[in-house]
mmCIF file of all heavy atoms, coordinates in Angstrom:
data_MODEL
# 
_entry.id   MODEL 
# 
loop_
_atom_site.group_PDB 
_atom_site.id 
_atom_site.type_symbol 
_atom_site.label_atom_id 
_atom_site.label_alt_id 
_atom_site.label_comp_id 
_atom_site.label_asym_id 
_atom_site.label_entity_id 
_atom_site.label_seq_id 
_atom_site.pdbx_PDB_ins_code 
_atom_site.Cartn_x 
_atom_site.Cartn_y 
_atom_site.Cartn_z 
_atom_site.occupancy 
_atom_site.B_iso_or_equiv 
_atom_site.pdbx_formal_charge 
_atom_site.auth_seq_id 
_atom_site.auth_comp_id 
_atom_site.auth_asym_id 
_atom_site.auth_atom_id 
_atom_site.pdbx_PDB_model_num 
ATOM 1   N N   . GLU A 1 1  ? 9.949  19.165 8.788   1.00 0.00 ? 1  GLU A N   1 
ATOM 2   C CA  . GLU A 1 1  ? 10.267 20.332 7.891   1.00 0.00 ? 1  GLU A CA  1 
ATOM 3   C C   . GLU A 1 1  ? 9.055  20.589 7.047   1.00 0.00 ? 1  GLU A C   1 
ATOM 4   O O   . GLU A 1 1  ? 9.045  21.592 6.375   1.00 0.00 ? 1  GLU A O   1 
ATOM 5   C CB  . GLU A 1 1  ? 11.483 20.013 6.989   1.00 0.00 ? 1  GLU A CB  1 
ATOM 6   C CG  . GLU A 1 1  ? 12.670 19.690 7.685   1.00 0.00 ? 1  GLU A CG  1 
ATOM 7   C CD  . GLU A 1 1  ? 13.764 19.106 6.812   1.00 0.00 ? 1  GLU A CD  1 
ATOM 8   O OE1 . GLU A 1 1  ? 13.585 19.059 5.651   1.00 0.00 ? 1  GLU A OE1 1 
ATOM 9   O OE2 . GLU A 1 1  ? 14.834 18.680 7.372   1.00 0.00 ? 1  GLU A OE2 1 
ATOM 10  N N   . LEU A 1 2  ? 7.977  19.729 7.008   1.00 0.00 ? 2  LEU A N   1 
ATOM 11  C CA  . LEU A 1 2  ? 6.877  19.979 6.085   1.00 0.00 ? 2  LEU A CA  1 
ATOM 12  C C   . LEU A 1 2  ? 5.691  19.485 6.716   1.00 0.00 ? 2  LEU A C   1 
ATOM 13  O O   . LEU A 1 2  ? 5.580  18.463 7.371   1.00 0.00 ? 2  LEU A O   1 
ATOM 14  C CB  . LEU A 1 2  ? 7.081  19.223 4.761   1.00 0.00 ? 2  LEU A CB  1 
ATOM 15  C CG  . LEU A 1 2  ? 6.192  19.335 3.570   1.00 0.00 ? 2  LEU A CG  1 
ATOM 16  C CD1 . LEU A 1 2  ? 6.266  20.833 3.084   1.00 0.00 ? 2  LEU A CD1 1 
ATOM 17  C CD2 . LEU A 1 2  ? 6.533  18.363 2.504   1.00 0.00 ? 2  LEU A CD2 1 
ATOM 18  N N   . ASP A 1 3  ? 4.487  20.364 6.607   1.00 0.00 ? 3  ASP A N   1 
ATOM 19  C CA  . ASP A 1 3  ? 3.239  19.934 7.044   1.00 0.00 ? 3  ASP A CA  1 
ATOM 20  C C   . ASP A 1 3  ? 2.185  20.547 6.094   1.00 0.00 ? 3  ASP A C   1 
ATOM 21  O O   . ASP A 1 3  ? 2.539  21.174 5.187   1.00 0.00 ? 3  ASP A O   1 
ATOM 22  C CB  . ASP A 1 3  ? 2.962  20.288 8.489   1.00 0.00 ? 3  ASP A CB  1 
ATOM 23  C CG  . ASP A 1 3  ? 3.198  21.826 8.746   1.00 0.00 ? 3  ASP A CG  1 
ATOM 24  O OD1 . ASP A 1 3  ? 3.068  22.606 7.818   1.00 0.00 ? 3  ASP A OD1 1 
ATOM 25  O OD2 . ASP A 1 3  ? 3.365  22.303 9.969   1.00 0.00 ? 3  ASP A OD2 1 
ATOM 26  N N   . ALA A 1 4  ? 0.850  20.401 6.473   1.00 0.00 ? 4  ALA A N   1 
ATOM 27  C CA  . ALA A 1 4  ? -0.192 20.836 5.695   1.00 0.00 ? 4  ALA A CA  1 
ATOM 28  C C   . ALA A 1 4  ? -0.079 22.386 5.461   1.00 0.00 ? 4  ALA A C   1 
ATOM 29  O O   . ALA A 1 4  ? -0.542 22.977 4.462   1.00 0.00 ? 4  ALA A O   1 
ATOM 30  C CB  . ALA A 1 4  ? -1.620 20.416 6.274   1.00 0.00 ? 4  ALA A CB  1 
ATOM 31  N N   . ASP A 1 5  ? 0.333  23.103 6.472   1.00 0.00 ? 5  ASP A N   1 
ATOM 32  C CA  . ASP A 1 5  ? 0.407  24.540 6.495   1.00 0.00 ? 5  ASP A CA  1 
ATOM 33  C C   . ASP A 1 5  ? 1.531  25.135 5.594   1.00 0.00 ? 5  ASP A C   1 
ATOM 34  O O   . ASP A 1 5  ? 1.342  26.093 4.900   1.00 0.00 ? 5  ASP A O   1 
ATOM 35  C CB  . ASP A 1 5  ? 0.465  25.146 8.004   1.00 0.00 ? 5  ASP A CB  1 
ATOM 36  C CG  . ASP A 1 5  ? -0.602 24.896 8.789   1.00 0.00 ? 5  ASP A CG  1 
ATOM 37  O OD1 . ASP A 1 5  ? -1.747 24.830 8.219   1.00 0.00 ? 5  ASP A OD1 1 
ATOM 38  O OD2 . ASP A 1 5  ? -0.419 24.801 10.012  1.00 0.00 ? 5  ASP A OD2 1 
ATOM 39  N N   . SER A 1 6  ? 2.675  24.282 5.508   1.00 0.00 ? 6  SER A N   1 
ATOM 40  C CA  . SER A 1 6  ? 3.713  24.797 4.748   1.00 0.00 ? 6  SER A CA  1 
ATOM 41  C C   . SER A 1 6  ? 3.833  24.197 3.316   1.00 0.00 ? 6  SER A C   1 
ATOM 42  O O   . SER A 1 6  ? 4.646  24.564 2.476   1.00 0.00 ? 6  SER A O   1 
ATOM 43  C CB  . SER A 1 6  ? 5.054  24.485 5.448   1.00 0.00 ? 6  SER A CB  1 
ATOM 44  O OG  . SER A 1 6  ? 5.205  23.080 5.706   1.00 0.00 ? 6  SER A OG  1 
ATOM 45  N N   . ALA A 1 7  ? 3.065  23.113 3.043   1.00 0.00 ? 7  ALA A N   1 
ATOM 46  C CA  . ALA A 1 7  ? 2.994  22.581 1.772   1.00 0.00 ? 7  ALA A CA  1 
ATOM 47  C C   . ALA A 1 7  ? 2.471  23.516 0.667   1.00 0.00 ? 7  ALA A C   1 
ATOM 48  O O   . ALA A 1 7  ? 1.468  24.070 0.771   1.00 0.00 ? 7  ALA A O   1 
ATOM 49  C CB  . ALA A 1 7  ? 2.149  21.358 1.779   1.00 0.00 ? 7  ALA A CB  1 
ATOM 50  N N   . GLY A 1 8  ? 3.286  23.732 -0.370  1.00 0.00 ? 8  GLY A N   1 
ATOM 51  C CA  . GLY A 1 8  ? 3.025  24.711 -1.337  1.00 0.00 ? 8  GLY A CA  1 
ATOM 52  C C   . GLY A 1 8  ? 2.561  24.016 -2.730  1.00 0.00 ? 8  GLY A C   1 
ATOM 53  O O   . GLY A 1 8  ? 2.327  22.942 -2.747  1.00 0.00 ? 8  GLY A O   1 
ATOM 54  N N   . GLU A 1 9  ? 2.545  24.860 -3.739  1.00 0.00 ? 9  GLU A N   1 
ATOM 55  C CA  . GLU A 1 9  ? 2.153  24.435 -5.089  1.00 0.00 ? 9  GLU A CA  1 
ATOM 56  C C   . GLU A 1 9  ? 2.918  23.218 -5.572  1.00 0.00 ? 9  GLU A C   1 
ATOM 57  O O   . GLU A 1 9  ? 2.450  22.297 -6.148  1.00 0.00 ? 9  GLU A O   1 
ATOM 58  C CB  . GLU A 1 9  ? 2.101  25.537 -6.010  1.00 0.00 ? 9  GLU A CB  1 
ATOM 59  C CG  . GLU A 1 9  ? 0.956  26.590 -5.741  1.00 0.00 ? 9  GLU A CG  1 
ATOM 60  C CD  . GLU A 1 9  ? 0.906  27.547 -6.835  1.00 0.00 ? 9  GLU A CD  1 
ATOM 61  O OE1 . GLU A 1 9  ? 1.699  27.491 -7.754  1.00 0.00 ? 9  GLU A OE1 1 
ATOM 62  O OE2 . GLU A 1 9  ? 0.118  28.590 -6.720  1.00 0.00 ? 9  GLU A OE2 1 
ATOM 63  N N   . ASP A 1 10 ? 4.276  23.290 -5.377  1.00 0.00 ? 10 ASP A N   1 
ATOM 64  C CA  . ASP A 1 10 ? 5.151  22.273 -5.912  1.00 0.00 ? 10 ASP A CA  1 
ATOM 65  C C   . ASP A 1 10 ? 4.886  20.912 -5.200  1.00 0.00 ? 10 ASP A C   1 
ATOM 66  O O   . ASP A 1 10 ? 4.763  19.937 -5.900  1.00 0.00 ? 10 ASP A O   1 
ATOM 67  C CB  . ASP A 1 10 ? 6.605  22.759 -5.781  1.00 0.00 ? 10 ASP A CB  1 
ATOM 68  C CG  . ASP A 1 10 ? 6.972  23.863 -6.625  1.00 0.00 ? 10 ASP A CG  1 
ATOM 69  O OD1 . ASP A 1 10 ? 6.269  24.125 -7.577  1.00 0.00 ? 10 ASP A OD1 1 
ATOM 70  O OD2 . ASP A 1 10 ? 7.971  24.490 -6.382  1.00 0.00 ? 10 ASP A OD2 1 
ATOM 71  N N   . GLU A 1 11 ? 4.719  20.982 -3.888  1.00 0.00 ? 11 GLU A N   1 
ATOM 72  C CA  . GLU A 1 11 ? 4.497  19.774 -3.159  1.00 0.00 ? 11 GLU A CA  1 
ATOM 73  C C   . GLU A 1 11 ? 3.118  19.148 -3.521  1.00 0.00 ? 11 GLU A C   1 
ATOM 74  O O   . GLU A 1 11 ? 3.104  17.901 -3.705  1.00 0.00 ? 11 GLU A O   1 
ATOM 75  C CB  . GLU A 1 11 ? 4.635  20.005 -1.660  1.00 0.00 ? 11 GLU A CB  1 
ATOM 76  C CG  . GLU A 1 11 ? 5.969  20.277 -1.124  1.00 0.00 ? 11 GLU A CG  1 
ATOM 77  C CD  . GLU A 1 11 ? 6.320  21.796 -1.266  1.00 0.00 ? 11 GLU A CD  1 
ATOM 78  O OE1 . GLU A 1 11 ? 5.594  22.571 -1.853  1.00 0.00 ? 11 GLU A OE1 1 
ATOM 79  O OE2 . GLU A 1 11 ? 7.552  22.031 -1.025  1.00 0.00 ? 11 GLU A OE2 1 
ATOM 80  N N   . LEU A 1 12 ? 2.092  20.011 -3.645  1.00 0.00 ? 12 LEU A N   1 
ATOM 81  C CA  . LEU A 1 12 ? 0.802  19.533 -4.007  1.00 0.00 ? 12 LEU A CA  1 
ATOM 82  C C   . LEU A 1 12 ? 0.723  18.972 -5.392  1.00 0.00 ? 12 LEU A C   1 
ATOM 83  O O   . LEU A 1 12 ? -0.002 18.031 -5.735  1.00 0.00 ? 12 LEU A O   1 
ATOM 84  C CB  . LEU A 1 12 ? -0.260 20.592 -3.768  1.00 0.00 ? 12 LEU A CB  1 
ATOM 85  C CG  . LEU A 1 12 ? -0.445 20.962 -2.317  1.00 0.00 ? 12 LEU A CG  1 
ATOM 86  C CD1 . LEU A 1 12 ? -1.466 21.999 -2.180  1.00 0.00 ? 12 LEU A CD1 1 
ATOM 87  C CD2 . LEU A 1 12 ? -0.868 19.759 -1.426  1.00 0.00 ? 12 LEU A CD2 1 
ATOM 88  N N   . ALA A 1 13 ? 1.532  19.614 -6.274  1.00 0.00 ? 13 ALA A N   1 
ATOM 89  C CA  . ALA A 1 13 ? 1.587  19.131 -7.696  1.00 0.00 ? 13 ALA A CA  1 
ATOM 90  C C   . ALA A 1 13 ? 2.260  17.724 -7.718  1.00 0.00 ? 13 ALA A C   1 
ATOM 91  O O   . ALA A 1 13 ? 1.796  16.933 -8.607  1.00 0.00 ? 13 ALA A O   1 
ATOM 92  C CB  . ALA A 1 13 ? 2.479  20.129 -8.507  1.00 0.00 ? 13 ALA A CB  1 
ATOM 93  N N   . THR A 1 14 ? 3.139  17.462 -6.876  1.00 0.00 ? 14 THR A N   1 
ATOM 94  C CA  . THR A 1 14 ? 3.826  16.137 -6.829  1.00 0.00 ? 14 THR A CA  1 
ATOM 95  C C   . THR A 1 14 ? 2.750  15.134 -6.372  1.00 0.00 ? 14 THR A C   1 
ATOM 96  O O   . THR A 1 14 ? 2.633  14.016 -6.946  1.00 0.00 ? 14 THR A O   1 
ATOM 97  C CB  . THR A 1 14 ? 4.980  16.115 -5.854  1.00 0.00 ? 14 THR A CB  1 
ATOM 98  O OG1 . THR A 1 14 ? 6.069  16.929 -6.410  1.00 0.00 ? 14 THR A OG1 1 
ATOM 99  C CG2 . THR A 1 14 ? 5.523  14.716 -5.660  1.00 0.00 ? 14 THR A CG2 1 
ATOM 100 N N   . LEU A 1 15 ? 2.016  15.470 -5.411  1.00 0.00 ? 15 LEU A N   1 
ATOM 101 C CA  . LEU A 1 15 ? 0.884  14.615 -4.921  1.00 0.00 ? 15 LEU A CA  1 
ATOM 102 C C   . LEU A 1 15 ? -0.089 14.395 -5.812  1.00 0.00 ? 15 LEU A C   1 
ATOM 103 O O   . LEU A 1 15 ? -0.650 13.276 -6.069  1.00 0.00 ? 15 LEU A O   1 
ATOM 104 C CB  . LEU A 1 15 ? 0.332  15.196 -3.561  1.00 0.00 ? 15 LEU A CB  1 
ATOM 105 C CG  . LEU A 1 15 ? 1.300  15.230 -2.366  1.00 0.00 ? 15 LEU A CG  1 
ATOM 106 C CD1 . LEU A 1 15 ? 0.507  15.737 -1.240  1.00 0.00 ? 15 LEU A CD1 1 
ATOM 107 C CD2 . LEU A 1 15 ? 1.893  13.884 -2.148  1.00 0.00 ? 15 LEU A CD2 1 
ATOM 108 N N   . ASP A 1 16 ? -0.468 15.360 -6.686  1.00 0.00 ? 16 ASP A N   1 
ATOM 109 C CA  . ASP A 1 16 ? -1.448 15.242 -7.779  1.00 0.00 ? 16 ASP A CA  1 
ATOM 110 C C   . ASP A 1 16 ? -0.947 14.289 -8.792  1.00 0.00 ? 16 ASP A C   1 
ATOM 111 O O   . ASP A 1 16 ? -1.702 13.395 -9.339  1.00 0.00 ? 16 ASP A O   1 
ATOM 112 C CB  . ASP A 1 16 ? -1.738 16.653 -8.366  1.00 0.00 ? 16 ASP A CB  1 
ATOM 113 C CG  . ASP A 1 16 ? -2.635 17.480 -7.481  1.00 0.00 ? 16 ASP A CG  1 
ATOM 114 O OD1 . ASP A 1 16 ? -3.295 16.929 -6.496  1.00 0.00 ? 16 ASP A OD1 1 
ATOM 115 O OD2 . ASP A 1 16 ? -2.699 18.737 -7.750  1.00 0.00 ? 16 ASP A OD2 1 
ATOM 116 N N   . GLU A 1 17 ? 0.357  14.340 -9.209  1.00 0.00 ? 17 GLU A N   1 
ATOM 117 C CA  . GLU A 1 17 ? 0.944  13.550 -10.203 1.00 0.00 ? 17 GLU A CA  1 
ATOM 118 C C   . GLU A 1 17 ? 0.952  12.090 -9.668  1.00 0.00 ? 17 GLU A C   1 
ATOM 119 O O   . GLU A 1 17 ? 0.614  11.080 -10.357 1.00 0.00 ? 17 GLU A O   1 
ATOM 120 C CB  . GLU A 1 17 ? 2.386  13.957 -10.512 1.00 0.00 ? 17 GLU A CB  1 
ATOM 121 C CG  . GLU A 1 17 ? 3.083  13.099 -11.521 1.00 0.00 ? 17 GLU A CG  1 
ATOM 122 C CD  . GLU A 1 17 ? 4.503  13.545 -11.665 1.00 0.00 ? 17 GLU A CD  1 
ATOM 123 O OE1 . GLU A 1 17 ? 4.919  14.468 -11.064 1.00 0.00 ? 17 GLU A OE1 1 
ATOM 124 O OE2 . GLU A 1 17 ? 5.248  12.805 -12.494 1.00 0.00 ? 17 GLU A OE2 1 
ATOM 125 N N   . PHE A 1 18 ? 1.191  11.977 -8.407  1.00 0.00 ? 18 PHE A N   1 
ATOM 126 C CA  . PHE A 1 18 ? 1.089  10.613 -7.771  1.00 0.00 ? 18 PHE A CA  1 
ATOM 127 C C   . PHE A 1 18 ? -0.183 9.952  -7.778  1.00 0.00 ? 18 PHE A C   1 
ATOM 128 O O   . PHE A 1 18 ? -0.296 8.736  -8.191  1.00 0.00 ? 18 PHE A O   1 
ATOM 129 C CB  . PHE A 1 18 ? 1.748  10.751 -6.306  1.00 0.00 ? 18 PHE A CB  1 
ATOM 130 C CG  . PHE A 1 18 ? 1.512  9.557  -5.427  1.00 0.00 ? 18 PHE A CG  1 
ATOM 131 C CD1 . PHE A 1 18 ? 2.358  8.395  -5.722  1.00 0.00 ? 18 PHE A CD1 1 
ATOM 132 C CD2 . PHE A 1 18 ? 0.500  9.439  -4.472  1.00 0.00 ? 18 PHE A CD2 1 
ATOM 133 C CE1 . PHE A 1 18 ? 2.258  7.252  -4.881  1.00 0.00 ? 18 PHE A CE1 1 
ATOM 134 C CE2 . PHE A 1 18 ? 0.353  8.203  -3.796  1.00 0.00 ? 18 PHE A CE2 1 
ATOM 135 C CZ  . PHE A 1 18 ? 1.174  7.197  -3.952  1.00 0.00 ? 18 PHE A CZ  1 
ATOM 136 N N   . LEU A 1 19 ? -1.200 10.806 -7.464  1.00 0.00 ? 19 LEU A N   1 
ATOM 137 C CA  . LEU A 1 19 ? -2.609 10.218 -7.530  1.00 0.00 ? 19 LEU A CA  1 
ATOM 138 C C   . LEU A 1 19 ? -2.981 9.833  -9.022  1.00 0.00 ? 19 LEU A C   1 
ATOM 139 O O   . LEU A 1 19 ? -3.675 8.880  -9.217  1.00 0.00 ? 19 LEU A O   1 
ATOM 140 C CB  . LEU A 1 19 ? -3.566 11.254 -6.839  1.00 0.00 ? 19 LEU A CB  1 
ATOM 141 C CG  . LEU A 1 19 ? -3.549 11.541 -5.574  1.00 0.00 ? 19 LEU A CG  1 
ATOM 142 C CD1 . LEU A 1 19 ? -4.382 12.652 -5.112  1.00 0.00 ? 19 LEU A CD1 1 
ATOM 143 C CD2 . LEU A 1 19 ? -3.891 10.321 -4.612  1.00 0.00 ? 19 LEU A CD2 1 
ATOM 144 N N   . ASP A 1 20 ? -2.561 10.603 -9.891  1.00 0.00 ? 20 ASP A N   1 
ATOM 145 C CA  . ASP A 1 20 ? -2.835 10.269 -11.366 1.00 0.00 ? 20 ASP A CA  1 
ATOM 146 C C   . ASP A 1 20 ? -2.171 8.928  -11.687 1.00 0.00 ? 20 ASP A C   1 
ATOM 147 O O   . ASP A 1 20 ? -2.795 8.190  -12.426 1.00 0.00 ? 20 ASP A O   1 
ATOM 148 C CB  . ASP A 1 20 ? -2.373 11.373 -12.244 1.00 0.00 ? 20 ASP A CB  1 
ATOM 149 C CG  . ASP A 1 20 ? -3.231 12.690 -12.121 1.00 0.00 ? 20 ASP A CG  1 
ATOM 150 O OD1 . ASP A 1 20 ? -4.358 12.571 -11.665 1.00 0.00 ? 20 ASP A OD1 1 
ATOM 151 O OD2 . ASP A 1 20 ? -2.697 13.702 -12.583 1.00 0.00 ? 20 ASP A OD2 1 
ATOM 152 N N   . ALA A 1 21 ? -0.884 8.679  -11.283 1.00 0.00 ? 21 ALA A N   1 
ATOM 153 C CA  . ALA A 1 21 ? -0.269 7.581  -11.545 1.00 0.00 ? 21 ALA A CA  1 
ATOM 154 C C   . ALA A 1 21 ? -0.923 6.252  -10.843 1.00 0.00 ? 21 ALA A C   1 
ATOM 155 O O   . ALA A 1 21 ? -0.995 5.264  -11.501 1.00 0.00 ? 21 ALA A O   1 
ATOM 156 C CB  . ALA A 1 21 ? 1.170  7.599  -11.074 1.00 0.00 ? 21 ALA A CB  1 
ATOM 157 N N   . LEU A 1 22 ? -1.454 6.572  -9.669  1.00 0.00 ? 22 LEU A N   1 
ATOM 158 C CA  . LEU A 1 22 ? -2.169 5.396  -8.987  1.00 0.00 ? 22 LEU A CA  1 
ATOM 159 C C   . LEU A 1 22 ? -3.536 5.125  -9.749  1.00 0.00 ? 22 LEU A C   1 
ATOM 160 O O   . LEU A 1 22 ? -3.789 3.865  -10.014 1.00 0.00 ? 22 LEU A O   1 
ATOM 161 C CB  . LEU A 1 22 ? -2.607 5.858  -7.620  1.00 0.00 ? 22 LEU A CB  1 
ATOM 162 C CG  . LEU A 1 22 ? -1.679 5.711  -6.471  1.00 0.00 ? 22 LEU A CG  1 
ATOM 163 C CD1 . LEU A 1 22 ? -2.178 6.274  -5.125  1.00 0.00 ? 22 LEU A CD1 1 
ATOM 164 C CD2 . LEU A 1 22 ? -1.336 4.159  -6.249  1.00 0.00 ? 22 LEU A CD2 1 
ATOM 165 N N   . GLU A 1 23 ? -4.224 6.068  -10.192 1.00 0.00 ? 23 GLU A N   1 
ATOM 166 C CA  . GLU A 1 23 ? -5.461 5.870  -10.844 1.00 0.00 ? 23 GLU A CA  1 
ATOM 167 C C   . GLU A 1 23 ? -5.189 5.207  -12.185 1.00 0.00 ? 23 GLU A C   1 
ATOM 168 O O   . GLU A 1 23 ? -6.080 4.319  -12.658 1.00 0.00 ? 23 GLU A O   1 
ATOM 169 C CB  . GLU A 1 23 ? -6.257 7.132  -11.030 1.00 0.00 ? 23 GLU A CB  1 
ATOM 170 C CG  . GLU A 1 23 ? -6.765 7.694  -9.774  1.00 0.00 ? 23 GLU A CG  1 
ATOM 171 C CD  . GLU A 1 23 ? -7.840 8.770  -9.906  1.00 0.00 ? 23 GLU A CD  1 
ATOM 172 O OE1 . GLU A 1 23 ? -8.233 8.965  -11.061 1.00 0.00 ? 23 GLU A OE1 1 
ATOM 173 O OE2 . GLU A 1 23 ? -8.299 9.321  -8.943  1.00 0.00 ? 23 GLU A OE2 1 
ATOM 174 N N   . ALA A 1 24 ? -4.124 5.557  -12.821 1.00 0.00 ? 24 ALA A N   1 
ATOM 175 C CA  . ALA A 1 24 ? -3.843 4.883  -14.095 1.00 0.00 ? 24 ALA A CA  1 
ATOM 176 C C   . ALA A 1 24 ? -3.140 3.522  -14.041 1.00 0.00 ? 24 ALA A C   1 
ATOM 177 O O   . ALA A 1 24 ? -3.013 2.769  -15.000 1.00 0.00 ? 24 ALA A O   1 
ATOM 178 C CB  . ALA A 1 24 ? -2.800 5.769  -14.885 1.00 0.00 ? 24 ALA A CB  1 
ATOM 179 N N   . GLY A 1 25 ? -2.880 3.064  -12.820 1.00 0.00 ? 25 GLY A N   1 
ATOM 180 C CA  . GLY A 1 25 ? -2.364 1.764  -12.631 1.00 0.00 ? 25 GLY A CA  1 
ATOM 181 C C   . GLY A 1 25 ? -0.865 1.710  -12.878 1.00 0.00 ? 25 GLY A C   1 
ATOM 182 O O   . GLY A 1 25 ? -0.203 0.613  -12.974 1.00 0.00 ? 25 GLY A O   1 
# 
């Protein structure tokens, strides 16, 4: 139901939040 072409701002915002949490430990 989801791939790189269909991923929108909300999905990418979740991934950005996830990366921030990884970097913060």
